[in-house]
N, C-alpha and C. Protein backbone atom coordinates (compact mmCIF):
# COMPACT_ATOMS: atom_id res chain seq x y z
N MET A 1 2.89 -1.26 0.91
CA MET A 1 4.33 -1.99 0.28
C MET A 1 5.76 -1.21 0.82
N ARG A 2 5.69 -0.91 0.43
CA ARG A 2 6.53 0.15 0.38
C ARG A 2 7.72 0.04 2.04
N LYS A 3 6.68 0.15 2.59
CA LYS A 3 7.51 0.07 3.81
C LYS A 3 8.24 -1.87 4.44
N LEU A 4 6.89 -2.67 3.13
CA LEU A 4 7.80 -4.04 2.76
C LEU A 4 9.19 -4.05 1.94
N ALA A 5 9.21 -3.20 2.10
CA ALA A 5 10.19 -2.81 0.62
C ALA A 5 11.63 -2.64 1.71
N GLU A 6 10.54 -1.55 2.33
CA GLU A 6 12.51 -1.03 2.70
C GLU A 6 13.40 -2.41 4.28
N GLN A 7 11.57 -3.25 4.49
CA GLN A 7 11.85 -3.25 5.24
C GLN A 7 13.18 -4.78 5.33
N PHE A 8 13.07 -5.68 3.72
CA PHE A 8 13.54 -5.96 3.28
C PHE A 8 14.59 -5.94 2.37
N VAL A 9 15.37 -4.80 2.68
CA VAL A 9 16.96 -3.41 1.82
C VAL A 9 17.32 -3.75 3.45
N ASP A 10 16.74 -2.90 4.71
CA ASP A 10 16.55 -3.27 5.77
C ASP A 10 17.39 -5.13 6.49
N GLU A 11 16.76 -5.90 6.32
CA GLU A 11 17.21 -7.00 6.91
C GLU A 11 18.24 -8.30 5.80
N GLY A 12 18.79 -7.25 5.03
CA GLY A 12 20.17 -7.59 3.94
C GLY A 12 19.39 -8.48 2.90
N LEU A 13 17.67 -8.85 2.44
CA LEU A 13 17.39 -10.11 1.62
C LEU A 13 17.55 -8.77 -0.16
N PHE A 14 18.39 -8.14 -0.09
CA PHE A 14 19.42 -7.75 -1.12
C PHE A 14 20.55 -7.48 -1.08
N GLY A 15 20.78 -8.80 0.20
CA GLY A 15 22.66 -8.25 0.36
C GLY A 15 23.42 -7.19 0.28
N ASP A 16 24.43 -7.19 0.66
CA ASP A 16 25.04 -5.83 1.08
C ASP A 16 25.52 -4.69 0.82
N ILE A 17 24.31 -3.48 1.09
CA ILE A 17 24.43 -2.76 0.33
C ILE A 17 26.18 -1.91 1.19
N PRO A 18 26.76 -0.66 -0.03
CA PRO A 18 27.09 -0.09 0.42
C PRO A 18 26.36 1.36 0.58
N GLU A 19 26.93 1.92 2.02
CA GLU A 19 25.97 2.91 2.74
C GLU A 19 26.07 3.62 1.70
N PRO A 20 26.95 4.64 0.94
CA PRO A 20 27.07 5.57 0.30
C PRO A 20 25.51 5.20 -1.10
N LEU A 21 25.43 3.76 -1.48
CA LEU A 21 24.64 4.05 -2.63
C LEU A 21 23.84 3.25 -1.79
N GLN A 22 23.24 3.38 -1.24
CA GLN A 22 22.07 3.76 -0.29
C GLN A 22 20.91 4.57 -0.20
N PHE A 23 21.23 5.08 -0.78
CA PHE A 23 20.93 6.41 -1.14
C PHE A 23 19.99 6.61 -1.98
N TYR A 24 20.25 6.28 -2.70
CA TYR A 24 20.10 5.59 -4.90
C TYR A 24 19.16 4.82 -4.20
N ILE A 25 18.45 3.98 -3.50
CA ILE A 25 17.73 2.70 -3.96
C ILE A 25 16.41 3.25 -4.13
N ASP A 26 16.11 2.67 -4.68
CA ASP A 26 14.63 3.41 -5.18
C ASP A 26 13.23 2.60 -4.29
N TYR A 27 12.71 2.09 -3.81
CA TYR A 27 11.88 2.08 -3.53
C TYR A 27 10.60 1.31 -3.23
N ASP A 28 10.07 2.75 -4.25
CA ASP A 28 8.62 2.78 -5.06
C ASP A 28 8.76 1.86 -5.61
N ALA A 29 10.29 1.28 -6.50
CA ALA A 29 9.73 1.33 -7.58
C ALA A 29 9.99 -1.16 -7.08
N ILE A 30 11.74 -1.20 -6.28
CA ILE A 30 10.60 -2.24 -4.88
C ILE A 30 9.52 -2.68 -4.77
N ALA A 31 8.78 -2.37 -3.90
CA ALA A 31 6.92 -2.07 -3.85
C ALA A 31 6.35 -2.75 -4.99
N ARG A 32 6.31 -2.56 -5.86
CA ARG A 32 5.93 -2.58 -7.66
C ARG A 32 5.76 -3.73 -7.59
N ASP A 33 7.21 -3.98 -7.50
CA ASP A 33 7.50 -6.03 -7.75
C ASP A 33 7.05 -6.67 -6.73
N LEU A 34 6.86 -5.89 -6.38
CA LEU A 34 6.66 -6.66 -5.05
C LEU A 34 5.36 -6.52 -4.98
N GLU A 35 4.55 -6.23 -5.33
CA GLU A 35 2.74 -6.17 -5.10
C GLU A 35 2.85 -7.62 -6.78
N MET A 36 3.21 -8.09 -7.50
CA MET A 36 2.75 -9.03 -8.05
C MET A 36 4.13 -10.35 -7.55
N ASP A 37 3.35 -10.58 -6.42
CA ASP A 37 2.98 -11.57 -5.85
C ASP A 37 3.32 -11.73 -4.56
N HIS A 38 2.65 -10.27 -3.76
CA HIS A 38 2.17 -9.93 -3.05
C HIS A 38 1.40 -9.24 -2.59
N ALA A 39 0.21 -9.53 -0.81
CA ALA A 39 -1.06 -9.25 -1.67
C ALA A 39 -0.84 -8.97 0.62
N HIS A 40 -1.86 -7.18 -0.08
CA HIS A 40 -2.17 -6.86 1.84
C HIS A 40 -3.85 -6.93 1.50
N ILE A 41 -3.88 -6.54 2.58
CA ILE A 41 -5.71 -6.63 3.68
C ILE A 41 -5.09 -6.66 4.85
N VAL A 42 -6.75 -5.56 4.90
CA VAL A 42 -6.41 -4.85 6.44
C VAL A 42 -7.76 -5.68 7.48
N ILE A 43 -7.73 -6.22 8.55
CA ILE A 43 -8.51 -7.10 9.25
C ILE A 43 -7.98 -6.92 10.57
N ALA A 44 -9.57 -5.72 10.68
CA ALA A 44 -10.02 -5.61 12.14
C ALA A 44 -8.76 -4.59 12.62
N GLY A 45 -8.22 -3.31 12.01
CA GLY A 45 -7.45 -2.60 12.09
C GLY A 45 -6.63 -2.75 11.98
N ILE A 46 -5.43 -4.17 11.51
CA ILE A 46 -4.41 -4.65 11.30
C ILE A 46 -3.76 -5.22 9.97
N PRO A 47 -2.82 -3.97 9.45
CA PRO A 47 -2.98 -4.13 7.63
C PRO A 47 -1.71 -5.78 7.90
N LEU A 48 -1.42 -6.88 7.09
CA LEU A 48 -1.72 -7.53 6.92
C LEU A 48 -1.33 -7.98 5.48
N ILE A 49 0.60 -8.36 4.97
CA ILE A 49 0.50 -8.45 4.15
C ILE A 49 1.48 -10.29 4.40
N TYR A 50 1.59 -10.67 2.63
CA TYR A 50 1.05 -12.44 2.16
C TYR A 50 1.53 -12.24 0.89
N ARG A 51 2.54 -13.34 0.58
CA ARG A 51 3.27 -13.99 -0.22
C ARG A 51 1.99 -14.75 -0.83
N CYS A 52 1.37 -13.99 -2.19
CA CYS A 52 0.85 -15.33 -3.16
C CYS A 52 0.94 -16.16 -3.52
N ALA A 53 1.65 -16.62 -3.78
CA ALA A 53 3.07 -17.43 -5.05
C ALA A 53 2.59 -18.84 -4.37
């Protein structure tokens, strides 16, 4: 989930984050929040993440 959190931030889903503040992003906290409504499974060695809500 951490990689998904990083991807969401990189894609701008949390808005434009100024560069000096990017060092303070808590990706682990975002990942914990994502686990509330996302699930992950591995099929044939390929990890898949999908939204459950």
